[in-house]
Amino acid sequence: MQNNPKNFEDAMRIARSPAGQELFRLLQSADQEKLNKAMSGAASGDYEAVKNSLGPLLSSPEVRALLAQMGGYHGSNGR
């Protein structure tokens, strides 16, 4: 994700959605330490750290269903 205001707005819109809030709750309850590492990595632009921290958590059926509800990894246009 580049430093693009539109990307940030899109990410915040998804995070504030009911599905985004539920996803955050699930990730938080699954492993708070991994979520903290992912959030720290995202804040510093280290998306490899985000991927490594959240990868196993994102494979759960419940999380995958929420991601599908949110439009997958790339929003509603599915790019």
N, C-alpha and C. Protein backbone atom coordinates (compact mmCIF):
# COMPACT_ATOMS: atom_id res chain seq x y z
N MET A 1 0.86 -1.17 0.00
CA MET A 1 0.00 0.00 0.00
C MET A 1 0.90 1.22 0.00
N GLN A 2 0.73 2.07 -0.97
CA GLN A 2 1.52 3.28 -1.06
C GLN A 2 0.92 4.34 -0.14
N ASN A 3 1.67 5.41 0.11
CA ASN A 3 1.16 6.53 0.88
C ASN A 3 0.18 7.31 0.02
N ASN A 4 -1.02 6.86 -0.03
CA ASN A 4 -2.05 7.44 -0.87
C ASN A 4 -3.26 7.72 0.03
N PRO A 5 -3.72 8.95 0.08
CA PRO A 5 -4.87 9.27 0.93
C PRO A 5 -6.09 8.42 0.61
N LYS A 6 -6.31 8.09 -0.66
CA LYS A 6 -7.47 7.26 -1.03
C LYS A 6 -7.34 5.87 -0.44
N ASN A 7 -6.13 5.29 -0.49
CA ASN A 7 -5.92 3.97 0.11
C ASN A 7 -6.20 4.01 1.60
N PHE A 8 -5.74 5.05 2.27
CA PHE A 8 -5.97 5.18 3.70
C PHE A 8 -7.46 5.32 3.99
N GLU A 9 -8.16 6.13 3.22
CA GLU A 9 -9.60 6.31 3.40
C GLU A 9 -10.33 4.98 3.20
N ASP A 10 -9.94 4.24 2.17
CA ASP A 10 -10.56 2.93 1.93
C ASP A 10 -10.31 1.98 3.09
N ALA A 11 -9.08 1.96 3.59
CA ALA A 11 -8.74 1.08 4.71
C ALA A 11 -9.55 1.46 5.95
N MET A 12 -9.68 2.74 6.22
CA MET A 12 -10.44 3.19 7.38
C MET A 12 -11.93 2.87 7.23
N ARG A 13 -12.45 3.01 6.02
CA ARG A 13 -13.87 2.69 5.78
C ARG A 13 -14.11 1.21 6.06
N ILE A 14 -13.21 0.35 5.59
CA ILE A 14 -13.34 -1.09 5.83
C ILE A 14 -13.20 -1.39 7.32
N ALA A 15 -12.23 -0.77 7.98
CA ALA A 15 -12.01 -1.03 9.40
C ALA A 15 -13.20 -0.61 10.25
N ARG A 16 -13.92 0.42 9.83
CA ARG A 16 -15.05 0.92 10.60
C ARG A 16 -16.35 0.17 10.30
N SER A 17 -16.35 -0.64 9.26
CA SER A 17 -17.56 -1.38 8.90
C SER A 17 -17.87 -2.42 9.97
N PRO A 18 -19.12 -2.87 10.05
CA PRO A 18 -19.44 -3.92 11.04
C PRO A 18 -18.57 -5.17 10.85
N ALA A 19 -18.35 -5.57 9.61
CA ALA A 19 -17.51 -6.75 9.36
C ALA A 19 -16.06 -6.48 9.78
N GLY A 20 -15.57 -5.27 9.55
CA GLY A 20 -14.23 -4.90 9.95
C GLY A 20 -14.07 -4.91 11.46
N GLN A 21 -15.07 -4.42 12.16
CA GLN A 21 -15.05 -4.43 13.62
C GLN A 21 -15.09 -5.85 14.16
N GLU A 22 -15.90 -6.70 13.54
CA GLU A 22 -15.97 -8.11 13.95
C GLU A 22 -14.64 -8.81 13.68
N LEU A 23 -14.04 -8.52 12.54
CA LEU A 23 -12.73 -9.10 12.22
C LEU A 23 -11.70 -8.69 13.27
N PHE A 24 -11.67 -7.43 13.61
CA PHE A 24 -10.74 -6.96 14.63
C PHE A 24 -10.97 -7.68 15.96
N ARG A 25 -12.23 -7.84 16.33
CA ARG A 25 -12.56 -8.52 17.58
C ARG A 25 -12.06 -9.96 17.55
N LEU A 26 -12.27 -10.65 16.43
CA LEU A 26 -11.81 -12.04 16.31
C LEU A 26 -10.29 -12.13 16.38
N LEU A 27 -9.62 -11.25 15.67
CA LEU A 27 -8.16 -11.27 15.67
C LEU A 27 -7.62 -10.95 17.06
N GLN A 28 -8.25 -10.02 17.72
CA GLN A 28 -7.83 -9.62 19.06
C GLN A 28 -8.01 -10.78 20.05
N SER A 29 -9.10 -11.49 19.93
CA SER A 29 -9.35 -12.59 20.87
C SER A 29 -8.50 -13.81 20.54
N ALA A 30 -8.06 -13.94 19.29
CA ALA A 30 -7.27 -15.10 18.90
C ALA A 30 -5.84 -15.00 19.44
N ASP A 31 -5.19 -13.88 19.24
CA ASP A 31 -3.80 -13.74 19.68
C ASP A 31 -3.44 -12.27 19.72
N GLN A 32 -3.60 -11.68 20.88
CA GLN A 32 -3.36 -10.24 21.05
C GLN A 32 -1.93 -9.86 20.68
N GLU A 33 -0.96 -10.69 21.02
CA GLU A 33 0.44 -10.37 20.73
C GLU A 33 0.69 -10.30 19.22
N LYS A 34 0.14 -11.24 18.47
CA LYS A 34 0.32 -11.21 17.02
C LYS A 34 -0.38 -10.00 16.41
N LEU A 35 -1.54 -9.67 16.93
CA LEU A 35 -2.26 -8.50 16.43
C LEU A 35 -1.46 -7.23 16.71
N ASN A 36 -0.89 -7.12 17.90
CA ASN A 36 -0.07 -5.95 18.24
C ASN A 36 1.14 -5.85 17.31
N LYS A 37 1.80 -6.98 17.01
CA LYS A 37 2.94 -6.97 16.09
C LYS A 37 2.51 -6.53 14.70
N ALA A 38 1.35 -7.03 14.27
CA ALA A 38 0.85 -6.65 12.94
C ALA A 38 0.53 -5.16 12.88
N MET A 39 -0.10 -4.64 13.92
CA MET A 39 -0.45 -3.22 13.94
C MET A 39 0.81 -2.36 13.97
N SER A 40 1.80 -2.78 14.73
CA SER A 40 3.07 -2.05 14.78
C SER A 40 3.76 -2.08 13.42
N GLY A 41 3.76 -3.25 12.78
CA GLY A 41 4.36 -3.38 11.45
C GLY A 41 3.65 -2.49 10.44
N ALA A 42 2.32 -2.48 10.49
CA ALA A 42 1.56 -1.65 9.55
C ALA A 42 1.86 -0.16 9.78
N ALA A 43 1.95 0.23 11.02
CA ALA A 43 2.22 1.63 11.33
C ALA A 43 3.59 2.07 10.82
N SER A 44 4.54 1.14 10.80
CA SER A 44 5.89 1.48 10.34
C SER A 44 6.10 1.16 8.86
N GLY A 45 5.05 0.63 8.20
CA GLY A 45 5.16 0.31 6.78
C GLY A 45 5.79 -1.04 6.50
N ASP A 46 5.96 -1.88 7.52
CA ASP A 46 6.55 -3.21 7.34
C ASP A 46 5.44 -4.22 7.10
N TYR A 47 4.99 -4.30 5.85
CA TYR A 47 3.85 -5.16 5.53
C TYR A 47 4.24 -6.63 5.52
N GLU A 48 5.51 -6.94 5.44
CA GLU A 48 5.96 -8.33 5.57
C GLU A 48 5.71 -8.81 7.00
N ALA A 49 5.95 -7.94 7.98
CA ALA A 49 5.67 -8.28 9.37
C ALA A 49 4.17 -8.49 9.59
N VAL A 50 3.36 -7.67 8.94
CA VAL A 50 1.91 -7.82 9.04
C VAL A 50 1.51 -9.19 8.50
N LYS A 51 2.02 -9.52 7.33
CA LYS A 51 1.70 -10.81 6.71
C LYS A 51 2.14 -11.97 7.59
N ASN A 52 3.35 -11.89 8.13
CA ASN A 52 3.85 -12.97 8.97
C ASN A 52 3.06 -13.11 10.27
N SER A 53 2.64 -11.99 10.83
CA SER A 53 1.90 -12.03 12.09
C SER A 53 0.47 -12.53 11.91
N LEU A 54 -0.18 -12.08 10.84
CA LEU A 54 -1.60 -12.39 10.68
C LEU A 54 -1.89 -13.58 9.77
N GLY A 55 -0.92 -14.01 9.00
CA GLY A 55 -1.15 -15.10 8.05
C GLY A 55 -1.89 -16.29 8.61
N PRO A 56 -1.41 -16.90 9.68
CA PRO A 56 -2.12 -18.06 10.24
C PRO A 56 -3.52 -17.72 10.76
N LEU A 57 -3.67 -16.55 11.34
CA LEU A 57 -4.97 -16.16 11.86
C LEU A 57 -6.00 -15.95 10.75
N LEU A 58 -5.53 -15.45 9.61
CA LEU A 58 -6.45 -15.15 8.50
C LEU A 58 -6.96 -16.39 7.79
N SER A 59 -6.41 -17.55 8.13
CA SER A 59 -6.85 -18.77 7.46
C SER A 59 -8.05 -19.43 8.14
N SER A 60 -8.49 -18.90 9.27
CA SER A 60 -9.64 -19.51 9.95
C SER A 60 -10.90 -19.30 9.11
N PRO A 61 -11.81 -20.27 9.12
CA PRO A 61 -13.05 -20.15 8.33
C PRO A 61 -13.87 -18.91 8.69
N GLU A 62 -13.92 -18.58 9.97
CA GLU A 62 -14.71 -17.42 10.40
C GLU A 62 -14.11 -16.12 9.86
N VAL A 63 -12.79 -16.01 9.92
CA VAL A 63 -12.11 -14.82 9.40
C VAL A 63 -12.25 -14.75 7.89
N ARG A 64 -12.10 -15.88 7.21
CA ARG A 64 -12.24 -15.89 5.74
C ARG A 64 -13.65 -15.47 5.32
N ALA A 65 -14.67 -15.87 6.08
CA ALA A 65 -16.04 -15.46 5.77
C ALA A 65 -16.20 -13.95 5.93
N LEU A 66 -15.60 -13.38 6.98
CA LEU A 66 -15.67 -11.93 7.15
C LEU A 66 -14.94 -11.20 6.04
N LEU A 67 -13.78 -11.72 5.63
CA LEU A 67 -13.05 -11.10 4.52
C LEU A 67 -13.87 -11.13 3.24
N ALA A 68 -14.54 -12.24 3.00
CA ALA A 68 -15.40 -12.33 1.82
C ALA A 68 -16.54 -11.33 1.91
N GLN A 69 -17.10 -11.18 3.09
CA GLN A 69 -18.18 -10.21 3.31
C GLN A 69 -17.69 -8.79 3.06
N MET A 70 -16.43 -8.53 3.39
CA MET A 70 -15.86 -7.20 3.20
C MET A 70 -15.37 -6.98 1.78
N GLY A 71 -15.42 -7.99 0.94
CA GLY A 71 -14.97 -7.84 -0.44
C GLY A 71 -13.59 -8.42 -0.66
N GLY A 72 -13.19 -9.39 0.13
CA GLY A 72 -11.87 -9.99 -0.03
C GLY A 72 -10.79 -9.06 0.46
N TYR A 73 -9.60 -9.27 -0.01
CA TYR A 73 -8.46 -8.47 0.42
C TYR A 73 -8.40 -7.13 -0.29
N HIS A 74 -9.12 -6.96 -1.39
CA HIS A 74 -8.94 -5.78 -2.23
C HIS A 74 -10.19 -4.93 -2.37
N GLY A 75 -11.13 -5.06 -1.48
CA GLY A 75 -12.32 -4.23 -1.58
C GLY A 75 -13.35 -4.84 -2.51
N SER A 76 -14.42 -4.10 -2.74
CA SER A 76 -15.56 -4.64 -3.47
C SER A 76 -15.28 -4.88 -4.95
N ASN A 77 -14.26 -4.24 -5.52
CA ASN A 77 -14.00 -4.47 -6.94
C ASN A 77 -13.12 -5.67 -7.19
N GLY A 78 -12.55 -6.28 -6.12
CA GLY A 78 -11.82 -7.53 -6.22
C GLY A 78 -10.58 -7.50 -7.07
N ARG A 79 -9.91 -6.36 -7.18
CA ARG A 79 -8.70 -6.29 -8.00
C ARG A 79 -7.67 -7.27 -7.58
